Amino acid sequence: MSVSQDLEWLDQTETELDHIADAVEESSGIDRRDFVFWSLVTAAASTFGFGSRALAQAPTSAAQAPQAPPLPPLGNGEPVSWTFQPYPGGTGALMEKLIHERGAAAFQRASFTVEPWTGPVPTAPEELAFLPAHRLSALIHARKMTSTQLTTIYLDRIKRLDPTLLCAVTIMEEQALAEAARADAEIKAGKYRGPLHGIPYGVKDLFSTKGVRTTWGPSCWRSLRPGSSRRAISGIAAARTIHGTFVADRAARRPDRHRRQRPGASRSASALRRRARSCRRRANAD
């Protein structure tokens, strides 16, 4: 078969495996994603011949492919890399491109000004939930809408949608409404902190937050309540945004295809929750 036919068969196989993965997990205890992954690896290597073709096309002598230089040794004392730069050529190539195109202005901070709200204010919660954050900021700043009203809209949506989407670990309703009321009181008193003041947001379940259940994904940490908050959480809190939810790291499902399928780990659940408009902003891990 051709490569395109192989890929079509592989995609069909993945769909069939997804349909039985839950049953396999319940009966055997094998994680459904491990089952799907290793089944696809086996199918690709044997049935479709990807492995044999790859070996056949590989260079047969050292002269056909340049030898890569040896990697520098890394000791236990080497600092961890906290940045990931997917740009081709790495960070240096990206910096050179920005300087060539924009000069020093590429690295100068620009201020963001929220344009005042003009025209009628939407009344439907669905319409308000899908407004961009900067327009919601304009409504709150002009006191055409309170943070409590906006927070309630998103809390209602996440409580209604989460049983289907499974995109939240901890819904902090009481704390969110208390923070929204405090933001409303400050704005009413003329103490406006900036464009994020009163805007609800959700946090990925990897951000340690003092006193709040933070599972980090695995079930072994399901009762963990950190004694301190990560710096990003403290910084966002200073802007008086409304901390309403923790986003699941693994449990979310994908609504645009089969609801039994899960989109995977990491940022998928937070992206799904944003797509469903069960919060306005999200704080992620990178």
C-alpha atoms as a PDB file:
ATOM      1  CA  MET A   1       0.000   0.000   0.000  1.00  0.00           C
ATOM      2  CA  SER A   2       1.009   3.620  -0.425  1.00  0.00           C
ATOM      3  CA  VAL A   3       1.938   5.848   2.512  1.00  0.00           C
ATOM      4  CA  SER A   4      -1.408   7.665   2.286  1.00  0.00           C
ATOM      5  CA  GLN A   5      -3.276   4.357   2.407  1.00  0.00           C
ATOM      6  CA  ASP A   6      -1.188   3.268   5.383  1.00  0.00           C
ATOM      7  CA  LEU A   7      -2.078   6.463   7.196  1.00  0.00           C
ATOM      8  CA  GLU A   8      -5.771   6.038   6.463  1.00  0.00           C
ATOM      9  CA  TRP A   9      -5.687   2.501   7.831  1.00  0.00           C
ATOM     10  CA  LEU A  10      -3.782   3.686  10.884  1.00  0.00           C
ATOM     11  CA  ASP A  11      -6.327   6.423  11.556  1.00  0.00           C
ATOM     12  CA  GLN A  12      -9.168   3.929  11.223  1.00  0.00           C
ATOM     13  CA  THR A  13      -7.397   1.580  13.605  1.00  0.00           C
ATOM     14  CA  GLU A  14      -6.970   4.367  16.134  1.00  0.00           C
ATOM     15  CA  THR A  15     -10.705   5.092  16.021  1.00  0.00           C
ATOM     16  CA  GLU A  16     -11.521   1.412  16.552  1.00  0.00           C
ATOM     17  CA  LEU A  17      -9.056   1.171  19.440  1.00  0.00           C
ATOM     18  CA  ASP A  18     -10.573   4.256  21.071  1.00  0.00           C
ATOM     19  CA  HIS A  19     -13.973   2.568  21.063  1.00  0.00           C
ATOM     20  CA  ILE A  20     -12.704  -0.437  23.045  1.00  0.00           C
ATOM     21  CA  ALA A  21     -10.047   1.264  25.179  1.00  0.00           C
ATOM     22  CA  ASP A  22     -12.372   2.035  28.097  1.00  0.00           C
ATOM     23  CA  ALA A  23     -13.553  -1.581  28.242  1.00  0.00           C
ATOM     24  CA  VAL A  24      -9.949  -2.829  28.155  1.00  0.00           C
ATOM     25  CA  GLU A  25      -8.994  -0.472  30.979  1.00  0.00           C
ATOM     26  CA  GLU A  26     -11.896  -1.661  33.135  1.00  0.00           C
ATOM     27  CA  SER A  27     -11.275  -5.360  32.507  1.00  0.00           C
ATOM     28  CA  SER A  28      -7.465  -5.471  32.577  1.00  0.00           C
ATOM     29  CA  GLY A  29      -6.359  -2.349  34.428  1.00  0.00           C
ATOM     30  CA  ILE A  30      -4.199  -1.222  31.485  1.00  0.00           C
ATOM     31  CA  ASP A  31      -4.346   2.543  31.053  1.00  0.00           C
ATOM     32  CA  ARG A  32      -6.492   3.338  28.033  1.00  0.00           C
ATOM     33  CA  ARG A  33      -3.906   5.677  26.492  1.00  0.00           C
ATOM     34  CA  ASP A  34      -1.113   3.128  26.959  1.00  0.00           C
ATOM     35  CA  PHE A  35      -3.294   0.510  25.315  1.00  0.00           C
ATOM     36  CA  VAL A  36      -4.056   2.733  22.307  1.00  0.00           C
ATOM     37  CA  PHE A  37      -0.462   3.918  21.957  1.00  0.00           C
ATOM     38  CA  TRP A  38       1.245   0.525  22.064  1.00  0.00           C
ATOM     39  CA  SER A  39      -1.420  -1.035  19.857  1.00  0.00           C
ATOM     40  CA  LEU A  40      -0.777   1.639  17.232  1.00  0.00           C
ATOM     41  CA  VAL A  41       2.986   1.192  17.535  1.00  0.00           C
ATOM     42  CA  THR A  42       2.600  -2.538  16.915  1.00  0.00           C
ATOM     43  CA  ALA A  43       0.262  -1.977  13.990  1.00  0.00           C
ATOM     44  CA  ALA A  44       2.556   0.596  12.389  1.00  0.00           C
ATOM     45  CA  ALA A  45       5.653  -1.579  12.764  1.00  0.00           C
ATOM     46  CA  SER A  46       4.133  -4.863  11.599  1.00  0.00           C
ATOM     47  CA  THR A  47       0.917  -4.523   9.610  1.00  0.00           C
ATOM     48  CA  PHE A  48       1.779  -1.372   7.697  1.00  0.00           C
ATOM     49  CA  GLY A  49       5.522  -1.897   7.378  1.00  0.00           C
ATOM     50  CA  PHE A  50       6.570   1.562   8.543  1.00  0.00           C
ATOM     51  CA  GLY A  51       9.537   0.126  10.403  1.00  0.00           C
ATOM     52  CA  SER A  52      10.842  -1.960   7.523  1.00  0.00           C
ATOM     53  CA  ARG A  53      10.511   0.907   5.060  1.00  0.00           C
ATOM     54  CA  ALA A  54      12.315   3.245   7.440  1.00  0.00           C
ATOM     55  CA  LEU A  55      15.178   0.776   7.770  1.00  0.00           C
ATOM     56  CA  ALA A  56      15.319   0.263   3.993  1.00  0.00           C
ATOM     57  CA  GLN A  57      15.543   4.013   3.387  1.00  0.00           C
ATOM     58  CA  ALA A  58      18.148   4.638   6.072  1.00  0.00           C
ATOM     59  CA  PRO A  59      21.726   5.411   4.941  1.00  0.00           C
ATOM     60  CA  THR A  60      23.902   2.314   4.798  1.00  0.00           C
ATOM     61  CA  SER A  61      27.293   3.892   5.334  1.00  0.00           C
ATOM     62  CA  ALA A  62      28.848   6.651   7.343  1.00  0.00           C
ATOM     63  CA  ALA A  63      29.726   8.516   4.113  1.00  0.00           C
ATOM     64  CA  GLN A  64      26.076   9.037   3.256  1.00  0.00           C
ATOM     65  CA  ALA A  65      25.197  10.865   6.460  1.00  0.00           C
ATOM     66  CA  PRO A  66      27.435  13.291   8.384  1.00  0.00           C
ATOM     67  CA  GLN A  67      28.236  12.229  11.905  1.00  0.00           C
ATOM     68  CA  ALA A  68      26.692  14.470  14.554  1.00  0.00           C
ATOM     69  CA  PRO A  69      29.152  15.977  17.044  1.00  0.00           C
ATOM     70  CA  PRO A  70      29.092  14.337  20.476  1.00  0.00           C
ATOM     71  CA  LEU A  71      26.837  15.979  23.027  1.00  0.00           C
ATOM     72  CA  PRO A  72      28.538  17.835  25.874  1.00  0.00           C
ATOM     73  CA  PRO A  73      28.503  15.921  29.160  1.00  0.00           C
ATOM     74  CA  LEU A  74      25.895  17.027  31.666  1.00  0.00           C
ATOM     75  CA  GLY A  75      26.585  16.691  35.359  1.00  0.00           C
ATOM     76  CA  ASN A  76      24.099  16.581  38.208  1.00  0.00           C
ATOM     77  CA  GLY A  77      24.900  20.189  39.028  1.00  0.00           C
ATOM     78  CA  GLU A  78      23.788  21.573  35.659  1.00  0.00           C
ATOM     79  CA  PRO A  79      20.835  23.997  35.967  1.00  0.00           C
ATOM     80  CA  VAL A  80      17.482  22.953  34.563  1.00  0.00           C
ATOM     81  CA  SER A  81      16.399  24.522  31.267  1.00  0.00           C
ATOM     82  CA  TRP A  82      13.254  26.498  32.024  1.00  0.00           C
ATOM     83  CA  THR A  83      12.608  27.669  28.460  1.00  0.00           C
ATOM     84  CA  PHE A  84      11.444  25.901  25.330  1.00  0.00           C
ATOM     85  CA  GLN A  85      11.953  27.569  21.964  1.00  0.00           C
ATOM     86  CA  PRO A  86      10.462  25.663  19.015  1.00  0.00           C
ATOM     87  CA  TYR A  87      11.517  28.280  16.470  1.00  0.00           C
ATOM     88  CA  PRO A  88      13.716  26.707  13.710  1.00  0.00           C
ATOM     89  CA  GLY A  89      17.327  27.484  14.502  1.00  0.00           C
ATOM     90  CA  GLY A  90      16.603  28.210  18.151  1.00  0.00           C
ATOM     91  CA  THR A  91      16.404  31.388  20.189  1.00  0.00           C
ATOM     92  CA  GLY A  92      19.398  33.032  18.490  1.00  0.00           C
ATOM     93  CA  ALA A  93      17.836  32.726  15.025  1.00  0.00           C
ATOM     94  CA  LEU A  94      14.573  34.172  16.323  1.00  0.00           C
ATOM     95  CA  MET A  95      16.341  37.139  17.954  1.00  0.00           C
ATOM     96  CA  GLU A  96      18.241  37.871  14.731  1.00  0.00           C
ATOM     97  CA  LYS A  97      14.999  37.779  12.750  1.00  0.00           C
ATOM     98  CA  LEU A  98      13.235  40.171  15.152  1.00  0.00           C
ATOM     99  CA  ILE A  99      16.155  42.632  15.153  1.00  0.00           C
ATOM    100  CA  HIS A 100      16.348  42.547  11.350  1.00  0.00           C
ATOM    101  CA  GLU A 101      12.620  43.175  10.958  1.00  0.00           C
ATOM    102  CA  ARG A 102      11.881  45.578  13.814  1.00  0.00           C
ATOM    103  CA  GLY A 103      15.175  46.732  15.266  1.00  0.00           C
ATOM    104  CA  ALA A 104      15.426  47.583  18.956  1.00  0.00           C
ATOM    105  CA  ALA A 105      11.671  48.268  19.062  1.00  0.00           C
ATOM    106  CA  ALA A 106      11.085  44.507  19.075  1.00  0.00           C
ATOM    107  CA  PHE A 107      12.281  44.383  22.687  1.00  0.00           C
ATOM    108  CA  GLN A 108      10.563  47.504  24.020  1.00  0.00           C
ATOM    109  CA  ARG A 109       7.501  46.995  26.191  1.00  0.00           C
ATOM    110  CA  ALA A 110       4.311  48.449  24.807  1.00  0.00           C
ATOM    111  CA  SER A 111       1.419  49.669  26.912  1.00  0.00           C
ATOM    112  CA  PHE A 112      -2.038  48.235  26.277  1.00  0.00           C
ATOM    113  CA  THR A 113      -5.003  50.564  26.481  1.00  0.00           C
ATOM    114  CA  VAL A 114      -8.527  49.193  26.719  1.00  0.00           C
ATOM    115  CA  GLU A 115     -10.862  51.182  24.498  1.00  0.00           C
ATOM    116  CA  PRO A 116     -13.993  52.443  26.314  1.00  0.00           C
ATOM    117  CA  TRP A 117     -17.207  50.507  25.764  1.00  0.00           C
ATOM    118  CA  THR A 118     -19.583  52.037  23.224  1.00  0.00           C
ATOM    119  CA  GLY A 119     -23.062  50.946  22.210  1.00  0.00           C
ATOM    120  CA  PRO A 120     -25.620  48.732  23.953  1.00  0.00           C
ATOM    121  CA  VAL A 121     -24.520  46.171  26.501  1.00  0.00           C
ATOM    122  CA  PRO A 122     -25.359  42.520  25.717  1.00  0.00           C
ATOM    123  CA  THR A 123     -27.822  40.954  28.130  1.00  0.00           C
ATOM    124  CA  ALA A 124     -27.601  37.273  27.162  1.00  0.00           C
ATOM    125  CA  PRO A 125     -25.122  35.327  29.354  1.00  0.00           C
ATOM    126  CA  GLU A 126     -24.025  33.287  26.315  1.00  0.00           C
ATOM    127  CA  GLU A 127     -23.080  36.439  24.414  1.00  0.00           C
ATOM    128  CA  LEU A 128     -21.243  37.923  27.378  1.00  0.00           C
ATOM    129  CA  ALA A 129     -19.314  34.700  27.969  1.00  0.00           C
ATOM    130  CA  PHE A 130     -17.852  34.828  24.454  1.00  0.00           C
ATOM    131  CA  LEU A 131     -16.769  38.480  24.525  1.00  0.00           C
ATOM    132  CA  PRO A 132     -12.984  39.064  24.382  1.00  0.00           C
ATOM    133  CA  ALA A 133     -11.336  39.770  27.729  1.00  0.00           C
ATOM    134  CA  HIS A 134     -10.528  43.381  26.809  1.00  0.00           C
ATOM    135  CA  ARG A 135     -14.203  44.109  26.077  1.00  0.00           C
ATOM    136  CA  LEU A 136     -15.258  42.562  29.377  1.00  0.00           C
ATOM    137  CA  SER A 137     -12.614  44.745  31.008  1.00  0.00           C
ATOM    138  CA  ALA A 138     -14.196  47.799  29.371  1.00  0.00           C
ATOM    139  CA  LEU A 139     -17.625  46.825  30.720  1.00  0.00           C
ATOM    140  CA  ILE A 140     -16.311  46.382  34.255  1.00  0.00           C
ATOM    141  CA  HIS A 141     -14.266  49.585  34.142  1.00  0.00           C
ATOM    142  CA  ALA A 142     -17.316  51.557  32.976  1.00  0.00           C
ATOM    143  CA  ARG A 143     -19.425  49.886  35.699  1.00  0.00           C
ATOM    144  CA  LYS A 144     -21.839  48.579  33.099  1.00  0.00           C
ATOM    145  CA  MET A 145     -21.265  45.122  34.547  1.00  0.00           C
ATOM    146  CA  THR A 146     -19.914  43.879  37.861  1.00  0.00           C
ATOM    147  CA  SER A 147     -17.243  41.289  38.401  1.00  0.00           C
ATOM    148  CA  THR A 148     -19.731  39.291  40.467  1.00  0.00           C
ATOM    149  CA  GLN A 149     -22.166  39.116  37.533  1.00  0.00           C
ATOM    150  CA  LEU A 150     -19.415  38.003  35.146  1.00  0.00           C
ATOM    151  CA  THR A 151     -17.968  35.466  37.578  1.00  0.00           C
ATOM    152  CA  THR A 152     -21.418  33.970  38.140  1.00  0.00           C
ATOM    153  CA  ILE A 153     -21.875  33.505  34.386  1.00  0.00           C
ATOM    154  CA  TYR A 154     -18.641  31.519  34.081  1.00  0.00           C
ATOM    155  CA  LEU A 155     -19.271  29.500  37.244  1.00  0.00           C
ATOM    156  CA  ASP A 156     -22.722  28.537  35.968  1.00  0.00           C
ATOM    157  CA  ARG A 157     -21.230  27.469  32.638  1.00  0.00           C
ATOM    158  CA  ILE A 158     -18.463  25.354  34.122  1.00  0.00           C
ATOM    159  CA  LYS A 159     -20.843  23.629  36.560  1.00  0.00           C
ATOM    160  CA  ARG A 160     -23.210  22.862  33.682  1.00  0.00           C
ATOM    161  CA  LEU A 161     -20.559  21.741  31.165  1.00  0.00           C
ATOM    162  CA  ASP A 162     -17.983  20.031  33.354  1.00  0.00           C
ATOM    163  CA  PRO A 163     -19.976  16.793  33.910  1.00  0.00           C
ATOM    164  CA  THR A 164     -19.688  16.256  30.139  1.00  0.00           C
ATOM    165  CA  LEU A 165     -16.285  17.790  29.370  1.00  0.00           C
ATOM    166  CA  LEU A 166     -14.496  16.825  32.612  1.00  0.00           C
ATOM    167  CA  CYS A 167     -12.175  19.808  32.306  1.00  0.00           C
ATOM    168  CA  ALA A 168     -11.973  20.973  35.943  1.00  0.00           C
ATOM    169  CA  VAL A 169     -10.415  19.449  39.049  1.00  0.00           C
ATOM    170  CA  THR A 170     -11.402  22.040  41.667  1.00  0.00           C
ATOM    171  CA  ILE A 171     -14.170  24.601  41.185  1.00  0.00           C
ATOM    172  CA  MET A 172     -13.518  27.399  43.659  1.00  0.00           C
ATOM    173  CA  GLU A 173     -16.976  28.935  43.648  1.00  0.00           C
ATOM    174  CA  GLU A 174     -17.004  30.404  47.149  1.00  0.00           C
ATOM    175  CA  GLN A 175     -13.546  31.959  46.823  1.00  0.00           C
ATOM    176  CA  ALA A 176     -14.267  33.270  43.308  1.00  0.00           C
ATOM    177  CA  LEU A 177     -17.453  35.032  44.389  1.00  0.00           C
ATOM    178  CA  ALA A 178     -15.700  36.504  47.440  1.00  0.00           C
ATOM    179  CA  GLU A 179     -12.858  37.855  45.292  1.00  0.00           C
ATOM    180  CA  ALA A 180     -15.358  39.220  42.758  1.00  0.00           C
ATOM    181  CA  ALA A 181     -17.236  41.071  45.501  1.00  0.00           C
ATOM    182  CA  ARG A 182     -13.938  42.539  46.752  1.00  0.00           C
ATOM    183  CA  ALA A 183     -13.046  43.658  43.215  1.00  0.00           C
ATOM    184  CA  ASP A 184     -16.460  45.298  42.818  1.00  0.00           C
ATOM    185  CA  ALA A 185     -16.019  47.153  46.095  1.00  0.00           C
ATOM    186  CA  GLU A 186     -12.584  48.448  45.059  1.00  0.00           C
ATOM    187  CA  ILE A 187     -13.809  49.595  41.645  1.00  0.00           C
ATOM    188  CA  LYS A 188     -16.810  51.306  43.218  1.00  0.00           C
ATOM    189  CA  ALA A 189     -14.444  53.122  45.585  1.00  0.00           C
ATOM    190  CA  GLY A 190     -12.360  54.343  42.626  1.00  0.00           C
ATOM    191  CA  LYS A 191      -9.433  51.943  43.160  1.00  0.00           C
ATOM    192  CA  TYR A 192      -9.155  50.477  39.670  1.00  0.00           C
ATOM    193  CA  ARG A 193      -6.070  48.261  39.316  1.00  0.00           C
ATOM    194  CA  GLY A 194      -5.944  47.830  35.538  1.00  0.00           C
ATOM    195  CA  PRO A 195      -7.401  45.859  32.610  1.00  0.00           C
ATOM    196  CA  LEU A 196      -7.458  42.521  34.460  1.00  0.00           C
ATOM    197  CA  HIS A 197      -9.260  43.855  37.517  1.00  0.00           C
ATOM    198  CA  GLY A 198     -12.326  41.666  38.120  1.00  0.00           C
ATOM    199  CA  ILE A 199     -11.742  39.291  35.182  1.00  0.00           C
ATOM    200  CA  PRO A 200     -12.238  35.585  36.092  1.00  0.00           C
ATOM    201  CA  TYR A 201      -9.497  33.120  35.228  1.00  0.00           C
ATOM    202  CA  GLY A 202      -8.663  29.454  35.628  1.00  0.00           C
ATOM    203  CA  VAL A 203      -5.354  27.848  36.551  1.00  0.00           C
ATOM    204  CA  LYS A 204      -3.768  24.651  35.344  1.00  0.00           C
ATOM    205  CA  ASP A 205      -3.599  21.950  37.993  1.00  0.00           C
ATOM    206  CA  LEU A 206       0.192  22.224  38.165  1.00  0.00           C
ATOM    207  CA  PHE A 207       0.342  25.635  39.848  1.00  0.00           C
ATOM    208  CA  SER A 208       0.801  25.318  43.594  1.00  0.00           C
ATOM    209  CA  THR A 209      -1.737  27.530  45.328  1.00  0.00           C
ATOM    210  CA  LYS A 210      -1.690  27.997  49.072  1.00  0.00           C
ATOM    211  CA  GLY A 211      -4.472  26.123  50.840  1.00  0.00           C
ATOM    212  CA  VAL A 212      -6.141  24.981  47.612  1.00  0.00           C
ATOM    213  CA  ARG A 213      -6.238  21.373  46.410  1.00  0.00           C
ATOM    214  CA  THR A 214      -3.544  21.003  43.729  1.00  0.00           C
ATOM    215  CA  THR A 215      -3.275  17.457  42.374  1.00  0.00           C
ATOM    216  CA  TRP A 216      -0.540  17.947  39.724  1.00  0.00           C
ATOM    217  CA  GLY A 217      -2.360  15.326  37.638  1.00  0.00           C
ATOM    218  CA  PRO A 218      -1.634  11.989  39.402  1.00  0.00           C
ATOM    219  CA  SER A 219      -4.263  10.592  41.754  1.00  0.00           C
ATOM    220  CA  CYS A 220      -1.653  10.131  44.495  1.00  0.00           C
ATOM    221  CA  TRP A 221      -1.674  13.917  45.037  1.00  0.00           C
ATOM    222  CA  ARG A 222      -5.472  14.306  44.983  1.00  0.00           C
ATOM    223  CA  SER A 223      -5.536  15.605  48.580  1.00  0.00           C
ATOM    224  CA  LEU A 224      -2.470  17.855  48.348  1.00  0.00           C
ATOM    225  CA  ARG A 225      -2.905  21.400  49.673  1.00  0.00           C
ATOM    226  CA  PRO A 226       0.378  23.363  49.225  1.00  0.00           C
ATOM    227  CA  GLY A 227       1.600  25.654  51.981  1.00  0.00           C
ATOM    228  CA  SER A 228       2.634  28.387  49.538  1.00  0.00           C
ATOM    229  CA  SER A 229       1.639  29.720  46.123  1.00  0.00           C
ATOM    230  CA  ARG A 230       3.655  29.757  42.947  1.00  0.00           C
ATOM    231  CA  ARG A 231       4.948  33.202  41.979  1.00  0.00           C
ATOM    232  CA  ALA A 232       2.660  33.425  38.952  1.00  0.00           C
ATOM    233  CA  ILE A 233      -0.410  32.923  41.138  1.00  0.00           C
ATOM    234  CA  SER A 234       0.677  35.676  43.518  1.00  0.00           C
ATOM    235  CA  GLY A 235       1.343  38.049  40.610  1.00  0.00           C
ATOM    236  CA  ILE A 236      -2.025  37.453  38.994  1.00  0.00           C
ATOM    237  CA  ALA A 237      -3.769  37.850  42.339  1.00  0.00           C
ATOM    238  CA  ALA A 238      -2.170  41.274  42.732  1.00  0.00           C
ATOM    239  CA  ALA A 239      -4.058  42.361  39.604  1.00  0.00           C
ATOM    240  CA  ARG A 240      -7.300  41.345  41.370  1.00  0.00           C
ATOM    241  CA  THR A 241      -8.332  38.817  38.783  1.00  0.00           C
ATOM    242  CA  ILE A 242     -10.837  36.254  40.014  1.00  0.00           C
ATOM    243  CA  HIS A 243      -9.370  32.817  40.702  1.00  0.00           C
ATOM    244  CA  GLY A 244     -12.285  30.504  39.947  1.00  0.00           C
ATOM    245  CA  THR A 245     -11.113  27.051  38.846  1.00  0.00           C
ATOM    246  CA  PHE A 246      -8.280  24.582  38.600  1.00  0.00           C
ATOM    247  CA  VAL A 247      -7.962  22.928  35.218  1.00  0.00           C
ATOM    248  CA  ALA A 248      -7.654  19.184  34.905  1.00  0.00           C
ATOM    249  CA  ASP A 249      -4.356  17.865  33.595  1.00  0.00           C
ATOM    250  CA  ARG A 250      -5.617  14.551  32.231  1.00  0.00           C
ATOM    251  CA  ALA A 251      -9.360  14.072  32.611  1.00  0.00           C
ATOM    252  CA  ALA A 252     -10.716  16.341  29.883  1.00  0.00           C
ATOM    253  CA  ARG A 253     -12.571  15.071  26.847  1.00  0.00           C
ATOM    254  CA  ARG A 254     -12.804  16.339  23.297  1.00  0.00           C
ATOM    255  CA  PRO A 255     -16.261  17.642  22.259  1.00  0.00           C
ATOM    256  CA  ASP A 256     -15.596  18.140  18.561  1.00  0.00           C
ATOM    257  CA  ARG A 257     -15.258  14.415  17.754  1.00  0.00           C
ATOM    258  CA  HIS A 258     -16.239  11.492  19.956  1.00  0.00           C
ATOM    259  CA  ARG A 259     -16.997  12.558  23.503  1.00  0.00           C
ATOM    260  CA  ARG A 260     -15.536   9.295  24.764  1.00  0.00           C
ATOM    261  CA  GLN A 261     -12.138  10.338  23.465  1.00  0.00           C
ATOM    262  CA  ARG A 262      -9.795  12.378  25.599  1.00  0.00           C
ATOM    263  CA  PRO A 263      -7.537  15.042  24.102  1.00  0.00           C
ATOM    264  CA  GLY A 264      -4.500  14.027  26.132  1.00  0.00           C
ATOM    265  CA  ALA A 265      -2.486  15.628  28.874  1.00  0.00           C
ATOM    266  CA  SER A 266      -0.976  19.003  29.657  1.00  0.00           C
ATOM    267  CA  ARG A 267      -2.739  22.033  28.139  1.00  0.00           C
ATOM    268  CA  SER A 268      -5.599  20.198  26.434  1.00  0.00           C
ATOM    269  CA  ALA A 269      -8.027  20.503  29.339  1.00  0.00           C
ATOM    270  CA  SER A 270      -7.373  24.210  29.832  1.00  0.00           C
ATOM    271  CA  ALA A 271      -7.782  24.831  26.100  1.00  0.00           C
ATOM    272  CA  LEU A 272     -11.023  22.854  26.124  1.00  0.00           C
ATOM    273  CA  ARG A 273     -12.337  24.880  29.031  1.00  0.00           C
ATOM    274  CA  ARG A 274     -11.484  28.106  27.220  1.00  0.00           C
ATOM    275  CA  ARG A 275     -13.217  26.840  24.090  1.00  0.00           C
ATOM    276  CA  ALA A 276     -16.339  26.055  26.127  1.00  0.00           C
ATOM    277  CA  ARG A 277     -16.078  29.550  27.682  1.00  0.00           C
ATOM    278  CA  SER A 278     -16.232  28.345  31.251  1.00  0.00           C
ATOM    279  CA  CYS A 279     -13.670  31.000  32.167  1.00  0.00           C
ATOM    280  CA  ARG A 280     -12.263  34.066  30.444  1.00  0.00           C
ATOM    281  CA  ARG A 281      -8.526  33.662  31.033  1.00  0.00           C
ATOM    282  CA  ARG A 282      -6.204  30.798  31.930  1.00  0.00           C
ATOM    283  CA  ALA A 283      -2.811  30.568  33.552  1.00  0.00           C
ATOM    284  CA  ASN A 284      -0.742  27.775  32.010  1.00  0.00           C
ATOM    285  CA  ALA A 285       2.553  26.116  32.731  1.00  0.00           C
ATOM    286  CA  ASP A 286       4.674  27.629  29.954  1.00  0.00           C
END
